[in-house]
Amino acid sequence: PGSVNATLEVGNLTEKVEVKSGNELVQTQSAQVAATLSTDQL
């Protein structure tokens, strides 16, 4: 599972707060232990 946590700031809807998201070092959605190689690594 992937996870995105967001805190909305008061302002205009047209204003944007952009963040660079990355995978969490420790994923908390399940107890499984897994490792992944993506096409960029392969």
Full PDB file with SEQRES, HELIX, SHEET, SSBOND, CRYST1, ORIGX, SCALE, CONECT and MASTER records, all heavy atoms in Angstrom:
SEQRES   1 A   42  PRO GLY SER VAL ASN ALA THR LEU GLU VAL GLY ASN LEU          
SEQRES   2 A   42  THR GLU LYS VAL GLU VAL LYS SER GLY ASN GLU LEU VAL          
SEQRES   3 A   42  GLN THR GLN SER ALA GLN VAL ALA ALA THR LEU SER THR          
SEQRES   4 A   42  ASP GLN LEU                                                  
CRYST1    1.000    1.000    1.000  90.00  90.00  90.00 P 1           1          
ORIGX1      1.000000  0.000000  0.000000        0.00000                         
ORIGX2      0.000000  1.000000  0.000000        0.00000                         
ORIGX3      0.000000  0.000000  1.000000        0.00000                         
SCALE1      1.000000  0.000000  0.000000        0.00000                         
SCALE2      0.000000  1.000000  0.000000        0.00000                         
SCALE3      0.000000  0.000000  1.000000        0.00000                         
ATOM      1  N   PRO A   1       0.830  -1.211   0.000  1.00  0.00           N  
ATOM      2  CA  PRO A   1       0.000   0.000   0.000  1.00  0.00           C  
ATOM      3  C   PRO A   1       0.860   1.256   0.000  1.00  0.00           C  
ATOM      4  O   PRO A   1       1.919   1.296   0.613  1.00  0.00           O  
ATOM      5  CB  PRO A   1      -0.801  -0.120   1.301  1.00  0.00           C  
ATOM      6  CG  PRO A   1      -0.699  -1.563   1.696  1.00  0.00           C  
ATOM      7  CD  PRO A   1       0.620  -2.032   1.181  1.00  0.00           C  
ATOM      8  N   GLY A   2       0.402   2.283  -0.699  1.00  0.00           N  
ATOM      9  CA  GLY A   2       1.055   3.582  -0.659  1.00  0.00           C  
ATOM     10  C   GLY A   2       0.295   4.524   0.259  1.00  0.00           C  
ATOM     11  O   GLY A   2      -0.884   4.303   0.546  1.00  0.00           O  
ATOM     12  N   SER A   3       0.966   5.547   0.710  1.00  0.00           N  
ATOM     13  CA  SER A   3       0.323   6.453   1.658  1.00  0.00           C  
ATOM     14  C   SER A   3       0.728   7.886   1.363  1.00  0.00           C  
ATOM     15  O   SER A   3       1.901   8.165   1.095  1.00  0.00           O  
ATOM     16  CB  SER A   3       0.710   6.087   3.089  1.00  0.00           C  
ATOM     17  OG  SER A   3       0.128   6.991   4.013  1.00  0.00           O  
ATOM     18  N   VAL A   4      -0.244   8.790   1.395  1.00  0.00           N  
ATOM     19  CA  VAL A   4       0.005  10.222   1.261  1.00  0.00           C  
ATOM     20  C   VAL A   4      -0.707  10.928   2.410  1.00  0.00           C  
ATOM     21  O   VAL A   4      -1.935  10.804   2.554  1.00  0.00           O  
ATOM     22  CB  VAL A   4      -0.501  10.769  -0.091  1.00  0.00           C  
ATOM     23  CG1 VAL A   4      -0.369  12.293  -0.125  1.00  0.00           C  
ATOM     24  CG2 VAL A   4       0.276  10.153  -1.238  1.00  0.00           C  
ATOM     25  N   ASN A   5       0.032  11.636   3.218  1.00  0.00           N  
ATOM     26  CA  ASN A   5      -0.537  12.411   4.324  1.00  0.00           C  
ATOM     27  C   ASN A   5      -0.465  13.891   3.972  1.00  0.00           C  
ATOM     28  O   ASN A   5       0.593  14.384   3.587  1.00  0.00           O  
ATOM     29  CB  ASN A   5       0.225  12.146   5.622  1.00  0.00           C  
ATOM     30  CG  ASN A   5       0.098  10.698   6.066  1.00  0.00           C  
ATOM     31  OD1 ASN A   5      -0.987  10.135   6.023  1.00  0.00           O  
ATOM     32  ND2 ASN A   5       1.205  10.095   6.477  1.00  0.00           N  
ATOM     33  N   ALA A   6      -1.579  14.603   4.115  1.00  0.00           N  
ATOM     34  CA  ALA A   6      -1.636  16.002   3.706  1.00  0.00           C  
ATOM     35  C   ALA A   6      -2.249  16.856   4.814  1.00  0.00           C  
ATOM     36  O   ALA A   6      -3.181  16.427   5.517  1.00  0.00           O  
ATOM     37  CB  ALA A   6      -2.458  16.155   2.432  1.00  0.00           C  
ATOM     38  N   THR A   7      -1.705  18.058   4.966  1.00  0.00           N  
ATOM     39  CA  THR A   7      -2.287  19.071   5.854  1.00  0.00           C  
ATOM     40  C   THR A   7      -2.652  20.274   5.001  1.00  0.00           C  
ATOM     41  O   THR A   7      -1.780  20.863   4.343  1.00  0.00           O  
ATOM     42  CB  THR A   7      -1.291  19.483   6.944  1.00  0.00           C  
ATOM     43  OG1 THR A   7      -0.952  18.334   7.720  1.00  0.00           O  
ATOM     44  CG2 THR A   7      -1.910  20.547   7.849  1.00  0.00           C  
ATOM     45  N   LEU A   8      -3.921  20.614   4.957  1.00  0.00           N  
ATOM     46  CA  LEU A   8      -4.380  21.716   4.129  1.00  0.00           C  
ATOM     47  C   LEU A   8      -4.191  23.048   4.866  1.00  0.00           C  
ATOM     48  O   LEU A   8      -4.513  23.165   6.051  1.00  0.00           O  
ATOM     49  CB  LEU A   8      -5.849  21.539   3.756  1.00  0.00           C  
ATOM     50  CG  LEU A   8      -6.209  20.284   2.957  1.00  0.00           C  
ATOM     51  CD1 LEU A   8      -7.660  20.351   2.509  1.00  0.00           C  
ATOM     52  CD2 LEU A   8      -5.288  20.105   1.763  1.00  0.00           C  
ATOM     53  N   GLU A   9      -3.678  24.037   4.123  1.00  0.00           N  
ATOM     54  CA  GLU A   9      -3.474  25.379   4.679  1.00  0.00           C  
ATOM     55  C   GLU A   9      -4.593  26.312   4.225  1.00  0.00           C  
ATOM     56  O   GLU A   9      -5.100  26.204   3.110  1.00  0.00           O  
ATOM     57  CB  GLU A   9      -2.117  25.945   4.217  1.00  0.00           C  
ATOM     58  CG  GLU A   9      -0.922  25.091   4.628  1.00  0.00           C  
ATOM     59  CD  GLU A   9       0.390  25.650   4.094  1.00  0.00           C  
ATOM     60  OE1 GLU A   9       0.355  26.759   3.518  1.00  0.00           O  
ATOM     61  OE2 GLU A   9       1.427  24.984   4.253  1.00  0.00           O  
ATOM     62  N   VAL A  10      -4.959  27.221   5.101  1.00  0.00           N  
ATOM     63  CA  VAL A  10      -6.007  28.178   4.770  1.00  0.00           C  
ATOM     64  C   VAL A  10      -5.540  29.067   3.609  1.00  0.00           C  
ATOM     65  O   VAL A  10      -4.402  29.531   3.587  1.00  0.00           O  
ATOM     66  CB  VAL A  10      -6.366  29.051   5.994  1.00  0.00           C  
ATOM     67  CG1 VAL A  10      -7.399  30.122   5.618  1.00  0.00           C  
ATOM     68  CG2 VAL A  10      -6.906  28.174   7.123  1.00  0.00           C  
ATOM     69  N   GLY A  11      -6.403  29.269   2.625  1.00  0.00           N  
ATOM     70  CA  GLY A  11      -6.048  30.091   1.474  1.00  0.00           C  
ATOM     71  C   GLY A  11      -7.050  29.913   0.365  1.00  0.00           C  
ATOM     72  O   GLY A  11      -8.130  29.326   0.549  1.00  0.00           O  
ATOM     73  N   ASN A  12      -6.680  30.413  -0.808  1.00  0.00           N  
ATOM     74  CA  ASN A  12      -7.540  30.284  -1.976  1.00  0.00           C  
ATOM     75  C   ASN A  12      -7.378  28.916  -2.616  1.00  0.00           C  
ATOM     76  O   ASN A  12      -6.287  28.341  -2.639  1.00  0.00           O  
ATOM     77  CB  ASN A  12      -7.217  31.379  -2.995  1.00  0.00           C  
ATOM     78  CG  ASN A  12      -7.558  32.759  -2.459  1.00  0.00           C  
ATOM     79  OD1 ASN A  12      -8.537  32.927  -1.721  1.00  0.00           O  
ATOM     80  ND2 ASN A  12      -6.746  33.749  -2.832  1.00  0.00           N  
ATOM     81  N   LEU A  13      -8.461  28.436  -3.175  1.00  0.00           N  
ATOM     82  CA  LEU A  13      -8.436  27.129  -3.825  1.00  0.00           C  
ATOM     83  C   LEU A  13      -7.452  27.099  -4.993  1.00  0.00           C  
ATOM     84  O   LEU A  13      -6.891  26.062  -5.332  1.00  0.00           O  
ATOM     85  CB  LEU A  13      -9.848  26.777  -4.305  1.00  0.00           C  
ATOM     86  CG  LEU A  13     -10.090  25.331  -4.751  1.00  0.00           C  
ATOM     87  CD1 LEU A  13      -9.898  24.380  -3.582  1.00  0.00           C  
ATOM     88  CD2 LEU A  13     -11.500  25.182  -5.334  1.00  0.00           C  
ATOM     89  N   THR A  14      -7.239  28.263  -5.621  1.00  0.00           N  
ATOM     90  CA  THR A  14      -6.340  28.326  -6.783  1.00  0.00           C  
ATOM     91  C   THR A  14      -4.874  28.288  -6.382  1.00  0.00           C  
ATOM     92  O   THR A  14      -4.011  28.062  -7.221  1.00  0.00           O  
ATOM     93  CB  THR A  14      -6.622  29.603  -7.588  1.00  0.00           C  
ATOM     94  OG1 THR A  14      -6.493  30.743  -6.722  1.00  0.00           O  
ATOM     95  CG2 THR A  14      -8.030  29.572  -8.174  1.00  0.00           C  
ATOM     96  N   GLU A  15      -4.589  28.538  -5.103  1.00  0.00           N  
ATOM     97  CA  GLU A  15      -3.208  28.452  -4.637  1.00  0.00           C  
ATOM     98  C   GLU A  15      -2.837  26.987  -4.420  1.00  0.00           C  
ATOM     99  O   GLU A  15      -3.674  26.173  -3.990  1.00  0.00           O  
ATOM    100  CB  GLU A  15      -3.032  29.238  -3.336  1.00  0.00           C  
ATOM    101  CG  GLU A  15      -3.266  30.730  -3.469  1.00  0.00           C  
ATOM    102  CD  GLU A  15      -3.066  31.432  -2.141  1.00  0.00           C  
ATOM    103  OE1 GLU A  15      -4.047  31.542  -1.376  1.00  0.00           O  
ATOM    104  OE2 GLU A  15      -1.923  31.864  -1.878  1.00  0.00           O  
ATOM    105  N   LYS A  16      -1.571  26.662  -4.678  1.00  0.00           N  
ATOM    106  CA  LYS A  16      -1.119  25.276  -4.560  1.00  0.00           C  
ATOM    107  C   LYS A  16       0.073  25.167  -3.618  1.00  0.00           C  
ATOM    108  O   LYS A  16       0.945  26.028  -3.601  1.00  0.00           O  
ATOM    109  CB  LYS A  16      -0.725  24.705  -5.929  1.00  0.00           C  
ATOM    110  CG  LYS A  16      -1.888  24.494  -6.879  1.00  0.00           C  
ATOM    111  CD  LYS A  16      -1.409  23.832  -8.169  1.00  0.00           C  
ATOM    112  CE  LYS A  16      -2.582  23.600  -9.117  1.00  0.00           C  
ATOM    113  NZ  LYS A  16      -2.133  22.945 -10.384  1.00  0.00           N  
ATOM    114  N   VAL A  17       0.064  24.101  -2.863  1.00  0.00           N  
ATOM    115  CA  VAL A  17       1.225  23.727  -2.049  1.00  0.00           C  
ATOM    116  C   VAL A  17       1.720  22.399  -2.615  1.00  0.00           C  
ATOM    117  O   VAL A  17       1.076  21.352  -2.466  1.00  0.00           O  
ATOM    118  CB  VAL A  17       0.855  23.578  -0.562  1.00  0.00           C  
ATOM    119  CG1 VAL A  17       2.068  23.109   0.233  1.00  0.00           C  
ATOM    120  CG2 VAL A  17       0.326  24.882  -0.015  1.00  0.00           C  
ATOM    121  N   GLU A  18       2.865  22.421  -3.326  1.00  0.00           N  
ATOM    122  CA  GLU A  18       3.386  21.228  -3.973  1.00  0.00           C  
ATOM    123  C   GLU A  18       4.524  20.624  -3.164  1.00  0.00           C  
ATOM    124  O   GLU A  18       5.386  21.339  -2.661  1.00  0.00           O  
ATOM    125  CB  GLU A  18       3.868  21.557  -5.394  1.00  0.00           C  
ATOM    126  CG  GLU A  18       2.749  22.025  -6.318  1.00  0.00           C  
ATOM    127  CD  GLU A  18       3.192  22.088  -7.771  1.00  0.00           C  
ATOM    128  OE1 GLU A  18       4.242  21.495  -8.090  1.00  0.00           O  
ATOM    129  OE2 GLU A  18       2.488  22.704  -8.574  1.00  0.00           O  
ATOM    130  N   VAL A  19       4.511  19.309  -3.054  1.00  0.00           N  
ATOM    131  CA  VAL A  19       5.571  18.586  -2.341  1.00  0.00           C  
ATOM    132  C   VAL A  19       6.076  17.470  -3.245  1.00  0.00           C  
ATOM    133  O   VAL A  19       5.354  16.958  -4.112  1.00  0.00           O  
ATOM    134  CB  VAL A  19       5.079  18.014  -1.001  1.00  0.00           C  
ATOM    135  CG1 VAL A  19       4.626  19.111  -0.072  1.00  0.00           C  
ATOM    136  CG2 VAL A  19       3.986  16.985  -1.230  1.00  0.00           C  
ATOM    137  N   LYS A  20       7.319  17.102  -3.047  1.00  0.00           N  
ATOM    138  CA  LYS A  20       7.914  15.965  -3.755  1.00  0.00           C  
ATOM    139  C   LYS A  20       7.742  14.748  -2.871  1.00  0.00           C  
ATOM    140  O   LYS A  20       8.326  14.660  -1.789  1.00  0.00           O  
ATOM    141  CB  LYS A  20       9.401  16.218  -4.024  1.00  0.00           C  
ATOM    142  CG  LYS A  20      10.139  15.073  -4.687  1.00  0.00           C  
ATOM    143  CD  LYS A  20       9.733  14.892  -6.141  1.00  0.00           C  
ATOM    144  CE  LYS A  20      10.606  13.856  -6.821  1.00  0.00           C  
ATOM    145  NZ  LYS A  20      10.257  13.657  -8.239  1.00  0.00           N  
ATOM    146  N   SER A  21       6.914  13.812  -3.299  1.00  0.00           N  
ATOM    147  CA  SER A  21       6.605  12.668  -2.464  1.00  0.00           C  
ATOM    148  C   SER A  21       7.568  11.535  -2.742  1.00  0.00           C  
ATOM    149  O   SER A  21       8.053  11.363  -3.867  1.00  0.00           O  
ATOM    150  CB  SER A  21       5.183  12.180  -2.712  1.00  0.00           C  
ATOM    151  OG  SER A  21       4.897  11.053  -1.925  1.00  0.00           O  
ATOM    152  N   GLY A  22       7.860  10.749  -1.723  1.00  0.00           N  
ATOM    153  CA  GLY A  22       8.704   9.562  -1.886  1.00  0.00           C  
ATOM    154  C   GLY A  22       8.143   8.429  -1.069  1.00  0.00           C  
ATOM    155  O   GLY A  22       7.264   8.619  -0.221  1.00  0.00           O  
ATOM    156  N   ASN A  23       8.631   7.217  -1.295  1.00  0.00           N  
ATOM    157  CA  ASN A  23       8.152   6.078  -0.528  1.00  0.00           C  
ATOM    158  C   ASN A  23       8.608   6.192   0.922  1.00  0.00           C  
ATOM    159  O   ASN A  23       9.726   6.611   1.206  1.00  0.00           O  
ATOM    160  CB  ASN A  23       8.700   4.770  -1.123  1.00  0.00           C  
ATOM    161  CG  ASN A  23       8.119   4.505  -2.482  1.00  0.00           C  
ATOM    162  OD1 ASN A  23       7.009   4.917  -2.785  1.00  0.00           O  
ATOM    163  ND2 ASN A  23       8.877   3.825  -3.328  1.00  0.00           N  
ATOM    164  N   GLU A  24       7.732   5.803   1.826  1.00  0.00           N  
ATOM    165  CA  GLU A  24       8.096   5.834   3.230  1.00  0.00           C  
ATOM    166  C   GLU A  24       9.165   4.786   3.507  1.00  0.00           C  
ATOM    167  O   GLU A  24       9.143   3.683   2.958  1.00  0.00           O  
ATOM    168  CB  GLU A  24       6.873   5.534   4.093  1.00  0.00           C  
ATOM    169  CG  GLU A  24       5.760   6.564   3.956  1.00  0.00           C  
ATOM    170  CD  GLU A  24       4.589   6.233   4.879  1.00  0.00           C  
ATOM    171  OE1 GLU A  24       4.846   5.857   6.031  1.00  0.00           O  
ATOM    172  OE2 GLU A  24       3.454   6.352   4.436  1.00  0.00           O  
ATOM    173  N   LEU A  25      10.136   5.126   4.389  1.00  0.00           N  
ATOM    174  CA  LEU A  25      11.160   4.168   4.765  1.00  0.00           C  
ATOM    175  C   LEU A  25      10.550   2.977   5.475  1.00  0.00           C  
ATOM    176  O   LEU A  25      10.982   1.841   5.310  1.00  0.00           O  
ATOM    177  CB  LEU A  25      12.215   4.847   5.652  1.00  0.00           C  
ATOM    178  CG  LEU A  25      13.048   5.936   4.962  1.00  0.00           C  
ATOM    179  CD1 LEU A  25      14.030   6.542   5.952  1.00  0.00           C  
ATOM    180  CD2 LEU A  25      13.794   5.364   3.774  1.00  0.00           C  
ATOM    181  N   VAL A  26       9.555   3.214   6.273  1.00  0.00           N  
ATOM    182  CA  VAL A  26       8.830   2.150   6.951  1.00  0.00           C  
ATOM    183  C   VAL A  26       7.360   2.281   6.575  1.00  0.00           C  
ATOM    184  O   VAL A  26       6.720   3.266   6.897  1.00  0.00           O  
ATOM    185  CB  VAL A  26       8.996   2.247   8.486  1.00  0.00           C  
ATOM    186  CG1 VAL A  26       8.201   1.133   9.153  1.00  0.00           C  
ATOM    187  CG2 VAL A  26      10.463   2.165   8.868  1.00  0.00           C  
ATOM    188  N   GLN A  27       6.847   1.274   5.848  1.00  0.00           N  
ATOM    189  CA  GLN A  27       5.443   1.347   5.476  1.00  0.00           C  
ATOM    190  C   GLN A  27       4.624   0.738   6.608  1.00  0.00           C  
ATOM    191  O   GLN A  27       4.950  -0.308   7.154  1.00  0.00           O  
ATOM    192  CB  GLN A  27       5.217   0.666   4.119  1.00  0.00           C  
ATOM    193  CG  GLN A  27       5.477  -0.826   4.073  1.00  0.00           C  
ATOM    194  CD  GLN A  27       4.232  -1.638   4.334  1.00  0.00           C  
ATOM    195  OE1 GLN A  27       3.144  -1.087   4.470  1.00  0.00           O  
ATOM    196  NE2 GLN A  27       4.390  -2.950   4.411  1.00  0.00           N  
ATOM    197  N   THR A  28       3.553   1.410   6.951  1.00  0.00           N  
ATOM    198  CA  THR A  28       2.770   1.054   8.141  1.00  0.00           C  
ATOM    199  C   THR A  28       1.418   0.461   7.815  1.00  0.00           C  
ATOM    200  O   THR A  28       0.617   0.215   8.716  1.00  0.00           O  
ATOM    201  CB  THR A  28       2.580   2.311   9.018  1.00  0.00           C  
ATOM    202  OG1 THR A  28       1.939   3.320   8.234  1.00  0.00           O  
ATOM    203  CG2 THR A  28       3.913   2.839   9.506  1.00  0.00           C  
ATOM    204  N   GLN A  29       1.127   0.230   6.529  1.00  0.00           N  
ATOM    205  CA  GLN A  29      -0.197  -0.258   6.174  1.00  0.00           C  
ATOM    206  C   GLN A  29      -0.341  -1.770   6.366  1.00  0.00           C  
ATOM    207  O   GLN A  29      -1.450  -2.280   6.461  1.00  0.00           O  
ATOM    208  CB  GLN A  29      -0.516   0.091   4.715  1.00  0.00           C  
ATOM    209  CG  GLN A  29      -1.041   1.515   4.528  1.00  0.00           C  
ATOM    210  CD  GLN A  29       0.042   2.540   4.767  1.00  0.00           C  
ATOM    211  OE1 GLN A  29       1.151   2.381   4.273  1.00  0.00           O  
ATOM    212  NE2 GLN A  29      -0.262   3.572   5.522  1.00  0.00           N  
ATOM    213  N   SER A  30       0.746  -2.508   6.353  1.00  0.00           N  
ATOM    214  CA  SER A  30       0.677  -3.961   6.545  1.00  0.00           C  
ATOM    215  C   SER A  30       1.953  -4.431   7.213  1.00  0.00           C  
ATOM    216  O   SER A  30       2.935  -3.701   7.295  1.00  0.00           O  
ATOM    217  CB  SER A  30       0.483  -4.687   5.198  1.00  0.00           C  
ATOM    218  OG  SER A  30       1.659  -4.588   4.417  1.00  0.00           O  
ATOM    219  N   ALA A  31       1.925  -5.696   7.676  1.00  0.00           N  
ATOM    220  CA  ALA A  31       3.072  -6.244   8.407  1.00  0.00           C  
ATOM    221  C   ALA A  31       4.058  -6.964   7.508  1.00  0.00           C  
ATOM    222  O   ALA A  31       5.092  -7.440   7.978  1.00  0.00           O  
ATOM    223  CB  ALA A  31       2.561  -7.213   9.482  1.00  0.00           C  
ATOM    224  N   GLN A  32       3.768  -7.045   6.209  1.00  0.00           N  
ATOM    225  CA  GLN A  32       4.643  -7.823   5.340  1.00  0.00           C  
ATOM    226  C   GLN A  32       5.991  -7.124   5.135  1.00  0.00           C  
ATOM    227  O   GLN A  32       6.102  -5.899   5.190  1.00  0.00           O  
ATOM    228  CB  GLN A  32       3.979  -8.077   3.996  1.00  0.00           C  
ATOM    229  CG  GLN A  32       3.896  -6.884   3.068  1.00  0.00           C  
ATOM    230  CD  GLN A  32       3.243  -7.248   1.736  1.00  0.00           C  
ATOM    231  OE1 GLN A  32       2.385  -8.118   1.686  1.00  0.00           O  
ATOM    232  NE2 GLN A  32       3.634  -6.592   0.681  1.00  0.00           N  
ATOM    233  N   VAL A  33       7.020  -7.955   4.916  1.00  0.00           N  
ATOM    234  CA  VAL A  33       8.374  -7.462   4.673  1.00  0.00           C  
ATOM    235  C   VAL A  33       8.701  -7.739   3.205  1.00  0.00           C  
ATOM    236  O   VAL A  33       8.715  -8.897   2.780  1.00  0.00           O  
ATOM    237  CB  VAL A  33       9.393  -8.153   5.593  1.00  0.00           C  
ATOM    238  CG1 VAL A  33      10.796  -7.643   5.301  1.00  0.00           C  
ATOM    239  CG2 VAL A  33       9.034  -7.909   7.055  1.00  0.00           C  
ATOM    240  N   ALA A  34       8.940  -6.684   2.435  1.00  0.00           N  
ATOM    241  CA  ALA A  34       9.131  -6.847   0.997  1.00  0.00           C  
ATOM    242  C   ALA A  34      10.197  -5.891   0.496  1.00  0.00           C  
ATOM    243  O   ALA A  34      10.483  -4.864   1.103  1.00  0.00           O  
ATOM    244  CB  ALA A  34       7.813  -6.617   0.245  1.00  0.00           C  
ATOM    245  N   ALA A  35      10.815  -6.262  -0.621  1.00  0.00           N  
ATOM    246  CA  ALA A  35      11.789  -5.413  -1.311  1.00  0.00           C  
ATOM    247  C   ALA A  35      11.418  -5.378  -2.782  1.00  0.00           C  
ATOM    248  O   ALA A  35      10.950  -6.377  -3.336  1.00  0.00           O  
ATOM    249  CB  ALA A  35      13.202  -5.941  -1.120  1.00  0.00           C  
ATOM    250  N   THR A  36      11.643  -4.244  -3.437  1.00  0.00           N  
ATOM    251  CA  THR A  36      11.216  -4.062  -4.822  1.00  0.00           C  
ATOM    252  C   THR A  36      12.346  -3.494  -5.660  1.00  0.00           C  
ATOM    253  O   THR A  36      13.071  -2.594  -5.231  1.00  0.00           O  
ATOM    254  CB  THR A  36       9.996  -3.122  -4.904  1.00  0.00           C  
ATOM    255  OG1 THR A  36       8.916  -3.695  -4.170  1.00  0.00           O  
ATOM    256  CG2 THR A  36       9.562  -2.913  -6.345  1.00  0.00           C  
ATOM    257  N   LEU A  37      12.499  -4.044  -6.870  1.00  0.00           N  
ATOM    258  CA  LEU A  37      13.405  -3.502  -7.882  1.00  0.00           C  
ATOM    259  C   LEU A  37      12.540  -2.960  -9.013  1.00  0.00           C  
ATOM    260  O   LEU A  37      11.747  -3.706  -9.604  1.00  0.00           O  
ATOM    261  CB  LEU A  37      14.350  -4.587  -8.411  1.00  0.00           C  
ATOM    262  CG  LEU A  37      15.434  -5.090  -7.455  1.00  0.00           C  
ATOM    263  CD1 LEU A  37      16.143  -6.310  -8.049  1.00  0.00           C  
ATOM    264  CD2 LEU A  37      16.455  -4.001  -7.171  1.00  0.00           C  
ATOM    265  N   SER A  38      12.685  -1.691  -9.322  1.00  0.00           N  
ATOM    266  CA  SER A  38      11.894  -1.077 -10.383  1.00  0.00           C  
ATOM    267  C   SER A  38      12.641  -1.139 -11.702  1.00  0.00           C  
ATOM    268  O   SER A  38      13.827  -1.488 -11.761  1.00  0.00           O  
ATOM    269  CB  SER A  38      11.583   0.377 -10.033  1.00  0.00           C  
ATOM    270  OG  SER A  38      12.779   1.148 -10.046  1.00  0.00           O  
ATOM    271  N   THR A  39      11.955  -0.749 -12.770  1.00  0.00           N  
ATOM    272  CA  THR A  39      12.576  -0.784 -14.093  1.00  0.00           C  
ATOM    273  C   THR A  39      13.771   0.155 -14.185  1.00  0.00           C  
ATOM    274  O   THR A  39      14.736  -0.118 -14.901  1.00  0.00           O  
ATOM    275  CB  THR A  39      11.531  -0.428 -15.175  1.00  0.00           C  
ATOM    276  OG1 THR A  39      12.137  -0.483 -16.457  1.00  0.00           O  
ATOM    277  CG2 THR A  39      10.959   0.966 -14.960  1.00  0.00           C  
ATOM    278  N   ASP A  40      13.737   1.269 -13.447  1.00  0.00           N  
ATOM    279  CA  ASP A  40      14.872   2.193 -13.446  1.00  0.00           C  
ATOM    280  C   ASP A  40      16.106   1.550 -12.833  1.00  0.00           C  
ATOM    281  O   ASP A  40      17.240   1.817 -13.253  1.00  0.00           O  
ATOM    282  CB  ASP A  40      14.517   3.468 -12.673  1.00  0.00           C  
ATOM    283  CG  ASP A  40      13.432   4.274 -13.358  1.00  0.00           C  
ATOM    284  OD1 ASP A  40      13.346   4.195 -14.600  1.00  0.00           O  
ATOM    285  OD2 ASP A  40      12.671   4.960 -12.665  1.00  0.00           O  
ATOM    286  N   GLN A  41      15.907   0.693 -11.828  1.00  0.00           N  
ATOM    287  CA  GLN A  41      17.040  -0.002 -11.219  1.00  0.00           C  
ATOM    288  C   GLN A  41      17.510  -1.158 -12.088  1.00  0.00           C  
ATOM    289  O   GLN A  41      18.707  -1.407 -12.213  1.00  0.00           O  
ATOM    290  CB  GLN A  41      16.636  -0.507  -9.823  1.00  0.00           C  
ATOM    291  CG  GLN A  41      16.339   0.595  -8.824  1.00  0.00           C  
ATOM    292  CD  GLN A  41      15.680   0.066  -7.570  1.00  0.00           C  
ATOM    293  OE1 GLN A  41      14.648  -0.599  -7.615  1.00  0.00           O  
ATOM    294  NE2 GLN A  41      16.285   0.359  -6.422  1.00  0.00           N  
ATOM    295  N   LEU A  42      16.568  -1.873 -12.697  1.00  0.00           N  
ATOM    296  CA  LEU A  42      16.925  -3.039 -13.494  1.00  0.00           C  
ATOM    297  C   LEU A  42      17.812  -2.670 -14.674  1.00  0.00           C  
ATOM    298  O   LEU A  42      18.735  -3.408 -15.032  1.00  0.00           O  
ATOM    299  CB  LEU A  42      15.664  -3.744 -13.993  1.00  0.00           C  
ATOM    300  CG  LEU A  42      14.841  -4.478 -12.932  1.00  0.00           C  
ATOM    301  CD1 LEU A  42      13.538  -4.987 -13.548  1.00  0.00           C  
ATOM    302  CD2 LEU A  42      15.626  -5.630 -12.347  1.00  0.00           C  
TER     303      LEU A  42                                                      
MASTER        0    0    0    0    0    0    0    6  302    1    0    4          
END                                                                             
